[in-house]
Amino acid sequence: MVNFRSIMEIEADEWLAALALPADDVPDVVIVEGSWWRAQRTAWRLGYLRDVRELKFPDIFWGRWGDRKVAFCMAYGAPRTVEIIHLFGALGSKLAVQIGTCGGLQAHLNPGDIILPDVAICREGVAHMYGAPDAVLGDSVWLGKAQHLLEARGLTAYRGPNVTWSSLFTETAQMVAAWHQAGYLSVEMETATTYAVARYFEMPAVSMVVVWDDLTRGRRFLDPLPPGGQEALDRSNQAVFEVALELAAQL
């Protein structure tokens, strides 16, 4: 006799036991970051937190910031991102925050500018499994709060449409041109997944992605940044995590 069981059927109590996480320690906020530099970014981000511990599932960290409980994971691409947002959505976390970098699709964007996607176009292959159609919305209220906090730091932040694609290496020049002409501000690999899974669990979600690739000028991550670009990129990469924590304080 065959008996199939979907991971979608697993409920909070079973996840808590698997993570060895007491119910009282369910994080208020889950922060995910898409980057190749897993070790460097993990050490950097966890340095803000206290009482840090790794949960039973690898590379998922729990800590405190002020009186808020925080989960953090480096999650590169949709297949890993979906796991983290699903876990903490099922547990009842109150806010999901996506951070990372993106490619700028409009000529007015510069390295270090921050995109806050109002809407993410779903091209990454996961969002539709959580009921998202062609596009999925971020939480307008929390996006507004994030924009206010970023601009208060003197940073440039834009709200608008973003496309989430499945792989950096499979973006073609024709795709990029079409995305540009459609008016999308940026392309990255996680936001639509974060938004769709969070929505499935009725958890608000916000994304803050920093422009790195300057796609309208043909500059990719392999190419040198313009003068001042590295400093702007570093400043914004620091700010998006700090703002994620400040958002947690507003829960």
C-alpha atoms as a PDB file:
ATOM      1  CA  MET A   1       0.000   0.000   0.000  1.00  0.00           C
ATOM      2  CA  VAL A   2       1.361   3.402  -0.984  1.00  0.00           C
ATOM      3  CA  ASN A   3       0.950   6.383   1.334  1.00  0.00           C
ATOM      4  CA  PHE A   4       2.094   9.769   0.082  1.00  0.00           C
ATOM      5  CA  ARG A   5       2.411  12.781   2.350  1.00  0.00           C
ATOM      6  CA  SER A   6       3.143  16.318   1.234  1.00  0.00           C
ATOM      7  CA  ILE A   7       5.412  18.648   3.184  1.00  0.00           C
ATOM      8  CA  MET A   8       2.597  21.164   2.708  1.00  0.00           C
ATOM      9  CA  GLU A   9       0.613  19.069   5.211  1.00  0.00           C
ATOM     10  CA  ILE A  10       3.134  19.453   8.052  1.00  0.00           C
ATOM     11  CA  GLU A  11       1.826  21.720  10.786  1.00  0.00           C
ATOM     12  CA  ALA A  12       3.484  24.015  13.307  1.00  0.00           C
ATOM     13  CA  ASP A  13       3.960  21.513  16.155  1.00  0.00           C
ATOM     14  CA  GLU A  14       5.897  19.130  13.937  1.00  0.00           C
ATOM     15  CA  TRP A  15       8.094  21.920  12.575  1.00  0.00           C
ATOM     16  CA  LEU A  16       8.822  23.178  16.105  1.00  0.00           C
ATOM     17  CA  ALA A  17       9.913  19.702  17.161  1.00  0.00           C
ATOM     18  CA  ALA A  18      12.093  19.279  14.071  1.00  0.00           C
ATOM     19  CA  LEU A  19      13.791  22.639  14.683  1.00  0.00           C
ATOM     20  CA  ALA A  20      14.054  22.050  18.460  1.00  0.00           C
ATOM     21  CA  LEU A  21      12.441  25.465  18.829  1.00  0.00           C
ATOM     22  CA  PRO A  22      10.156  26.206  21.806  1.00  0.00           C
ATOM     23  CA  ALA A  23       6.838  27.745  20.835  1.00  0.00           C
ATOM     24  CA  ASP A  24       7.725  30.843  22.867  1.00  0.00           C
ATOM     25  CA  ASP A  25      10.767  31.367  20.634  1.00  0.00           C
ATOM     26  CA  VAL A  26       8.949  31.596  17.307  1.00  0.00           C
ATOM     27  CA  PRO A  27      10.653  34.547  15.577  1.00  0.00           C
ATOM     28  CA  ASP A  28       8.830  37.831  15.185  1.00  0.00           C
ATOM     29  CA  VAL A  29      10.586  38.420  11.879  1.00  0.00           C
ATOM     30  CA  VAL A  30      12.328  36.185   9.355  1.00  0.00           C
ATOM     31  CA  ILE A  31      15.038  37.804   7.225  1.00  0.00           C
ATOM     32  CA  VAL A  32      16.402  36.055   4.144  1.00  0.00           C
ATOM     33  CA  GLU A  33      19.290  37.234   2.000  1.00  0.00           C
ATOM     34  CA  GLY A  34      20.293  36.043  -1.447  1.00  0.00           C
ATOM     35  CA  SER A  35      24.055  36.159  -1.999  1.00  0.00           C
ATOM     36  CA  TRP A  36      26.969  33.943  -3.014  1.00  0.00           C
ATOM     37  CA  TRP A  37      28.955  35.199  -0.022  1.00  0.00           C
ATOM     38  CA  ARG A  38      27.217  33.018   2.553  1.00  0.00           C
ATOM     39  CA  ALA A  39      29.924  32.855   5.223  1.00  0.00           C
ATOM     40  CA  GLN A  40      30.849  36.546   5.081  1.00  0.00           C
ATOM     41  CA  ARG A  41      27.258  37.760   5.117  1.00  0.00           C
ATOM     42  CA  THR A  42      26.167  35.349   7.837  1.00  0.00           C
ATOM     43  CA  ALA A  43      28.941  36.496  10.181  1.00  0.00           C
ATOM     44  CA  TRP A  44      28.185  40.138   9.406  1.00  0.00           C
ATOM     45  CA  ARG A  45      24.438  39.887   9.978  1.00  0.00           C
ATOM     46  CA  LEU A  46      24.628  37.718  13.092  1.00  0.00           C
ATOM     47  CA  GLY A  47      27.011  40.259  14.621  1.00  0.00           C
ATOM     48  CA  TYR A  48      23.979  42.508  15.187  1.00  0.00           C
ATOM     49  CA  LEU A  49      22.164  39.885  17.251  1.00  0.00           C
ATOM     50  CA  ARG A  50      22.607  38.387  20.712  1.00  0.00           C
ATOM     51  CA  ASP A  51      21.880  34.909  22.055  1.00  0.00           C
ATOM     52  CA  VAL A  52      22.510  33.564  18.554  1.00  0.00           C
ATOM     53  CA  ARG A  53      22.127  29.869  17.891  1.00  0.00           C
ATOM     54  CA  GLU A  54      21.838  27.674  14.827  1.00  0.00           C
ATOM     55  CA  LEU A  55      18.603  25.730  14.697  1.00  0.00           C
ATOM     56  CA  LYS A  56      18.458  22.011  13.921  1.00  0.00           C
ATOM     57  CA  PHE A  57      18.115  22.703  10.213  1.00  0.00           C
ATOM     58  CA  PRO A  58      21.513  23.906   8.917  1.00  0.00           C
ATOM     59  CA  ASP A  59      22.260  27.564   8.203  1.00  0.00           C
ATOM     60  CA  ILE A  60      19.072  28.799   9.877  1.00  0.00           C
ATOM     61  CA  PHE A  61      19.948  31.084  12.778  1.00  0.00           C
ATOM     62  CA  TRP A  62      17.913  32.452  15.661  1.00  0.00           C
ATOM     63  CA  GLY A  63      18.819  35.489  17.758  1.00  0.00           C
ATOM     64  CA  ARG A  64      17.521  38.531  19.576  1.00  0.00           C
ATOM     65  CA  TRP A  65      17.590  42.182  18.614  1.00  0.00           C
ATOM     66  CA  GLY A  66      16.260  44.287  21.450  1.00  0.00           C
ATOM     67  CA  ASP A  67      13.089  42.558  22.585  1.00  0.00           C
ATOM     68  CA  ARG A  68      12.436  41.015  19.164  1.00  0.00           C
ATOM     69  CA  LYS A  69      13.189  37.451  18.102  1.00  0.00           C
ATOM     70  CA  VAL A  70      14.834  37.177  14.682  1.00  0.00           C
ATOM     71  CA  ALA A  71      15.409  34.297  12.267  1.00  0.00           C
ATOM     72  CA  PHE A  72      18.092  34.793   9.615  1.00  0.00           C
ATOM     73  CA  CYS A  73      19.168  32.627   6.702  1.00  0.00           C
ATOM     74  CA  MET A  74      21.294  33.091   3.627  1.00  0.00           C
ATOM     75  CA  ALA A  75      18.920  31.780   0.956  1.00  0.00           C
ATOM     76  CA  TYR A  76      20.182  32.085  -2.610  1.00  0.00           C
ATOM     77  CA  GLY A  77      17.481  31.611  -5.216  1.00  0.00           C
ATOM     78  CA  ALA A  78      13.871  30.529  -5.049  1.00  0.00           C
ATOM     79  CA  PRO A  79      14.380  26.836  -4.108  1.00  0.00           C
ATOM     80  CA  ARG A  80      16.075  27.725  -0.819  1.00  0.00           C
ATOM     81  CA  THR A  81      14.039  30.851  -0.140  1.00  0.00           C
ATOM     82  CA  VAL A  82      10.743  28.976  -0.302  1.00  0.00           C
ATOM     83  CA  GLU A  83      11.865  26.609   2.459  1.00  0.00           C
ATOM     84  CA  ILE A  84      12.707  29.370   4.915  1.00  0.00           C
ATOM     85  CA  ILE A  85       9.629  31.509   4.333  1.00  0.00           C
ATOM     86  CA  HIS A  86       7.397  28.417   4.424  1.00  0.00           C
ATOM     87  CA  LEU A  87       8.879  27.243   7.730  1.00  0.00           C
ATOM     88  CA  PHE A  88       8.408  30.509   9.564  1.00  0.00           C
ATOM     89  CA  GLY A  89       5.132  31.301   7.864  1.00  0.00           C
ATOM     90  CA  ALA A  90       3.792  27.984   9.134  1.00  0.00           C
ATOM     91  CA  LEU A  91       5.065  28.842  12.623  1.00  0.00           C
ATOM     92  CA  GLY A  92       3.300  32.200  12.651  1.00  0.00           C
ATOM     93  CA  SER A  93       6.114  34.720  12.297  1.00  0.00           C
ATOM     94  CA  LYS A  94       4.770  38.249  11.883  1.00  0.00           C
ATOM     95  CA  LEU A  95       6.915  39.658   9.061  1.00  0.00           C
ATOM     96  CA  ALA A  96       9.129  38.386   6.229  1.00  0.00           C
ATOM     97  CA  VAL A  97      11.942  40.574   4.916  1.00  0.00           C
ATOM     98  CA  GLN A  98      13.876  39.824   1.732  1.00  0.00           C
ATOM     99  CA  ILE A  99      17.239  41.520   1.203  1.00  0.00           C
ATOM    100  CA  GLY A 100      19.993  41.085  -1.366  1.00  0.00           C
ATOM    101  CA  THR A 101      21.185  42.607  -4.617  1.00  0.00           C
ATOM    102  CA  CYS A 102      19.626  43.033  -8.039  1.00  0.00           C
ATOM    103  CA  GLY A 103      20.264  44.143 -11.581  1.00  0.00           C
ATOM    104  CA  GLY A 104      19.031  47.612 -12.474  1.00  0.00           C
ATOM    105  CA  LEU A 105      16.797  47.669 -15.555  1.00  0.00           C
ATOM    106  CA  GLN A 106      16.309  51.430 -15.968  1.00  0.00           C
ATOM    107  CA  ALA A 107      18.907  54.021 -16.959  1.00  0.00           C
ATOM    108  CA  HIS A 108      18.301  56.325 -13.980  1.00  0.00           C
ATOM    109  CA  LEU A 109      19.406  53.637 -11.498  1.00  0.00           C
ATOM    110  CA  ASN A 110      22.902  53.588 -10.011  1.00  0.00           C
ATOM    111  CA  PRO A 111      24.847  51.095  -7.896  1.00  0.00           C
ATOM    112  CA  GLY A 112      23.694  51.383  -4.299  1.00  0.00           C
ATOM    113  CA  ASP A 113      20.160  52.496  -5.146  1.00  0.00           C
ATOM    114  CA  ILE A 114      17.584  50.381  -3.325  1.00  0.00           C
ATOM    115  CA  ILE A 115      14.519  48.877  -4.976  1.00  0.00           C
ATOM    116  CA  LEU A 116      11.412  48.171  -2.898  1.00  0.00           C
ATOM    117  CA  PRO A 117       9.229  46.050  -5.179  1.00  0.00           C
ATOM    118  CA  ASP A 118       5.549  46.974  -4.979  1.00  0.00           C
ATOM    119  CA  VAL A 119       4.926  44.018  -7.250  1.00  0.00           C
ATOM    120  CA  ALA A 120       7.110  41.071  -8.218  1.00  0.00           C
ATOM    121  CA  ILE A 121       6.635  39.404 -11.590  1.00  0.00           C
ATOM    122  CA  CYS A 122       6.760  35.637 -11.026  1.00  0.00           C
ATOM    123  CA  ARG A 123       9.275  34.018 -13.374  1.00  0.00           C
ATOM    124  CA  GLU A 124      11.200  31.915 -10.851  1.00  0.00           C
ATOM    125  CA  GLY A 125       9.081  28.754 -10.931  1.00  0.00           C
ATOM    126  CA  VAL A 126       7.910  28.629  -7.298  1.00  0.00           C
ATOM    127  CA  ALA A 127       5.414  31.422  -6.596  1.00  0.00           C
ATOM    128  CA  HIS A 128       2.617  29.818  -8.620  1.00  0.00           C
ATOM    129  CA  MET A 129       2.748  26.759  -6.343  1.00  0.00           C
ATOM    130  CA  TYR A 130       1.550  29.044  -3.544  1.00  0.00           C
ATOM    131  CA  GLY A 131      -1.353  30.444  -5.510  1.00  0.00           C
ATOM    132  CA  ALA A 132       0.347  33.468  -7.041  1.00  0.00           C
ATOM    133  CA  PRO A 133      -0.693  34.230 -10.626  1.00  0.00           C
ATOM    134  CA  ASP A 134       1.602  36.170 -12.954  1.00  0.00           C
ATOM    135  CA  ALA A 135       2.553  38.704 -10.274  1.00  0.00           C
ATOM    136  CA  VAL A 136       2.414  39.085  -6.497  1.00  0.00           C
ATOM    137  CA  LEU A 137       2.262  42.178  -4.298  1.00  0.00           C
ATOM    138  CA  GLY A 138       4.430  43.171  -1.378  1.00  0.00           C
ATOM    139  CA  ASP A 139       2.838  44.702   1.695  1.00  0.00           C
ATOM    140  CA  SER A 140       2.247  48.374   0.893  1.00  0.00           C
ATOM    141  CA  VAL A 141       2.296  49.552   4.519  1.00  0.00           C
ATOM    142  CA  TRP A 142       5.582  47.852   5.356  1.00  0.00           C
ATOM    143  CA  LEU A 143       7.154  48.931   2.069  1.00  0.00           C
ATOM    144  CA  GLY A 144       6.255  52.504   2.973  1.00  0.00           C
ATOM    145  CA  LYS A 145       7.861  52.127   6.382  1.00  0.00           C
ATOM    146  CA  ALA A 146      10.998  50.671   4.818  1.00  0.00           C
ATOM    147  CA  GLN A 147      11.235  53.492   2.282  1.00  0.00           C
ATOM    148  CA  HIS A 148      10.867  56.100   5.026  1.00  0.00           C
ATOM    149  CA  LEU A 149      13.643  54.511   7.097  1.00  0.00           C
ATOM    150  CA  LEU A 150      15.988  54.189   4.117  1.00  0.00           C
ATOM    151  CA  GLU A 151      15.452  57.748   2.937  1.00  0.00           C
ATOM    152  CA  ALA A 152      15.961  59.027   6.489  1.00  0.00           C
ATOM    153  CA  ARG A 153      19.493  57.611   6.142  1.00  0.00           C
ATOM    154  CA  GLY A 154      20.045  59.648   2.990  1.00  0.00           C
ATOM    155  CA  LEU A 155      19.755  56.640   0.687  1.00  0.00           C
ATOM    156  CA  THR A 156      17.980  56.545  -2.664  1.00  0.00           C
ATOM    157  CA  ALA A 157      15.042  54.132  -2.678  1.00  0.00           C
ATOM    158  CA  TYR A 158      12.516  53.462  -5.446  1.00  0.00           C
ATOM    159  CA  ARG A 159       9.218  51.605  -5.312  1.00  0.00           C
ATOM    160  CA  GLY A 160       8.014  49.878  -8.450  1.00  0.00           C
ATOM    161  CA  PRO A 161       7.802  46.594 -10.362  1.00  0.00           C
ATOM    162  CA  ASN A 162      10.525  43.943 -10.149  1.00  0.00           C
ATOM    163  CA  VAL A 163      10.902  40.692 -12.067  1.00  0.00           C
ATOM    164  CA  THR A 164      12.073  37.576 -10.226  1.00  0.00           C
ATOM    165  CA  TRP A 165      13.921  35.208 -12.557  1.00  0.00           C
ATOM    166  CA  SER A 166      15.154  31.666 -11.940  1.00  0.00           C
ATOM    167  CA  SER A 167      18.875  31.990 -12.663  1.00  0.00           C
ATOM    168  CA  LEU A 168      21.402  34.766 -13.066  1.00  0.00           C
ATOM    169  CA  PHE A 169      23.226  32.752 -15.724  1.00  0.00           C
ATOM    170  CA  THR A 170      20.192  32.297 -17.997  1.00  0.00           C
ATOM    171  CA  GLU A 171      19.244  35.953 -18.436  1.00  0.00           C
ATOM    172  CA  THR A 172      19.600  36.829 -22.115  1.00  0.00           C
ATOM    173  CA  ALA A 173      20.064  40.256 -23.663  1.00  0.00           C
ATOM    174  CA  GLN A 174      16.642  39.860 -25.272  1.00  0.00           C
ATOM    175  CA  MET A 175      15.030  39.191 -21.872  1.00  0.00           C
ATOM    176  CA  VAL A 176      16.722  42.183 -20.294  1.00  0.00           C
ATOM    177  CA  ALA A 177      15.609  44.427 -23.158  1.00  0.00           C
ATOM    178  CA  ALA A 178      12.018  43.213 -22.808  1.00  0.00           C
ATOM    179  CA  TRP A 179      12.038  43.748 -19.035  1.00  0.00           C
ATOM    180  CA  HIS A 180      13.432  47.237 -19.529  1.00  0.00           C
ATOM    181  CA  GLN A 181      10.761  48.094 -22.092  1.00  0.00           C
ATOM    182  CA  ALA A 182       8.057  46.724 -19.768  1.00  0.00           C
ATOM    183  CA  GLY A 183       9.137  49.281 -17.173  1.00  0.00           C
ATOM    184  CA  TYR A 184      10.460  46.863 -14.559  1.00  0.00           C
ATOM    185  CA  LEU A 185      12.975  48.503 -12.249  1.00  0.00           C
ATOM    186  CA  SER A 186      15.035  45.446 -11.370  1.00  0.00           C
ATOM    187  CA  VAL A 187      15.618  41.719 -11.682  1.00  0.00           C
ATOM    188  CA  GLU A 188      16.675  39.291  -8.967  1.00  0.00           C
ATOM    189  CA  MET A 189      15.958  35.715  -7.883  1.00  0.00           C
ATOM    190  CA  GLU A 190      13.956  35.624  -4.636  1.00  0.00           C
ATOM    191  CA  THR A 191      11.378  38.381  -4.106  1.00  0.00           C
ATOM    192  CA  ALA A 192       8.386  36.797  -5.877  1.00  0.00           C
ATOM    193  CA  THR A 193       8.916  33.609  -3.876  1.00  0.00           C
ATOM    194  CA  THR A 194       9.114  35.479  -0.579  1.00  0.00           C
ATOM    195  CA  TYR A 195       5.996  37.497  -1.379  1.00  0.00           C
ATOM    196  CA  ALA A 196       3.964  34.512  -2.592  1.00  0.00           C
ATOM    197  CA  VAL A 197       4.812  32.165   0.269  1.00  0.00           C
ATOM    198  CA  ALA A 198       4.326  34.903   2.853  1.00  0.00           C
ATOM    199  CA  ARG A 199       0.937  35.726   1.363  1.00  0.00           C
ATOM    200  CA  TYR A 200      -0.035  32.041   1.523  1.00  0.00           C
ATOM    201  CA  PHE A 201       0.537  32.168   5.283  1.00  0.00           C
ATOM    202  CA  GLU A 202      -1.043  35.630   5.647  1.00  0.00           C
ATOM    203  CA  MET A 203       2.307  37.089   6.706  1.00  0.00           C
ATOM    204  CA  PRO A 204       3.215  40.589   5.450  1.00  0.00           C
ATOM    205  CA  ALA A 205       6.394  40.752   3.387  1.00  0.00           C
ATOM    206  CA  VAL A 206       8.760  43.444   2.184  1.00  0.00           C
ATOM    207  CA  SER A 207      11.800  43.290  -0.094  1.00  0.00           C
ATOM    208  CA  MET A 208      14.759  45.679  -0.212  1.00  0.00           C
ATOM    209  CA  VAL A 209      17.232  44.818  -2.974  1.00  0.00           C
ATOM    210  CA  VAL A 210      20.318  46.856  -3.772  1.00  0.00           C
ATOM    211  CA  VAL A 211      21.258  47.671  -7.367  1.00  0.00           C
ATOM    212  CA  TRP A 212      24.583  46.079  -8.304  1.00  0.00           C
ATOM    213  CA  ASP A 213      24.489  45.130 -11.997  1.00  0.00           C
ATOM    214  CA  ASP A 214      23.903  48.119 -14.280  1.00  0.00           C
ATOM    215  CA  LEU A 215      22.123  46.228 -17.043  1.00  0.00           C
ATOM    216  CA  THR A 216      21.139  49.182 -19.237  1.00  0.00           C
ATOM    217  CA  ARG A 217      24.840  49.948 -19.687  1.00  0.00           C
ATOM    218  CA  GLY A 218      25.920  46.342 -20.128  1.00  0.00           C
ATOM    219  CA  ARG A 219      27.771  46.244 -16.791  1.00  0.00           C
ATOM    220  CA  ARG A 220      27.552  42.937 -14.937  1.00  0.00           C
ATOM    221  CA  PHE A 221      29.014  41.883 -11.598  1.00  0.00           C
ATOM    222  CA  LEU A 222      32.225  40.804 -13.361  1.00  0.00           C
ATOM    223  CA  ASP A 223      32.820  44.384 -14.514  1.00  0.00           C
ATOM    224  CA  PRO A 224      34.304  47.131 -12.315  1.00  0.00           C
ATOM    225  CA  LEU A 225      31.952  49.494 -10.548  1.00  0.00           C
ATOM    226  CA  PRO A 226      32.029  53.198 -11.430  1.00  0.00           C
ATOM    227  CA  PRO A 227      33.854  55.594  -9.072  1.00  0.00           C
ATOM    228  CA  GLY A 228      32.119  55.590  -5.704  1.00  0.00           C
ATOM    229  CA  GLY A 229      30.035  52.578  -6.655  1.00  0.00           C
ATOM    230  CA  GLN A 230      31.582  50.132  -4.204  1.00  0.00           C
ATOM    231  CA  GLU A 231      31.135  52.530  -1.308  1.00  0.00           C
ATOM    232  CA  ALA A 232      27.491  53.099  -2.264  1.00  0.00           C
ATOM    233  CA  LEU A 233      26.895  49.365  -2.611  1.00  0.00           C
ATOM    234  CA  ASP A 234      28.468  48.622   0.776  1.00  0.00           C
ATOM    235  CA  ARG A 235      26.521  51.395   2.482  1.00  0.00           C
ATOM    236  CA  SER A 236      23.206  50.147   1.134  1.00  0.00           C
ATOM    237  CA  ASN A 237      23.949  46.483   1.848  1.00  0.00           C
ATOM    238  CA  GLN A 238      24.527  47.460   5.464  1.00  0.00           C
ATOM    239  CA  ALA A 239      21.436  49.649   5.598  1.00  0.00           C
ATOM    240  CA  VAL A 240      18.935  47.085   4.327  1.00  0.00           C
ATOM    241  CA  PHE A 241      19.713  44.705   7.189  1.00  0.00           C
ATOM    242  CA  GLU A 242      19.645  47.458   9.770  1.00  0.00           C
ATOM    243  CA  VAL A 243      16.303  48.655   8.414  1.00  0.00           C
ATOM    244  CA  ALA A 244      14.977  45.084   8.520  1.00  0.00           C
ATOM    245  CA  LEU A 245      15.747  45.081  12.247  1.00  0.00           C
ATOM    246  CA  GLU A 246      14.137  48.497  12.673  1.00  0.00           C
ATOM    247  CA  LEU A 247      11.012  47.148  10.992  1.00  0.00           C
ATOM    248  CA  ALA A 248      10.990  44.270  13.475  1.00  0.00           C
ATOM    249  CA  ALA A 249      10.993  46.818  16.288  1.00  0.00           C
ATOM    250  CA  GLN A 250       7.734  48.228  14.883  1.00  0.00           C
ATOM    251  CA  LEU A 251       5.862  44.925  15.120  1.00  0.00           C
END
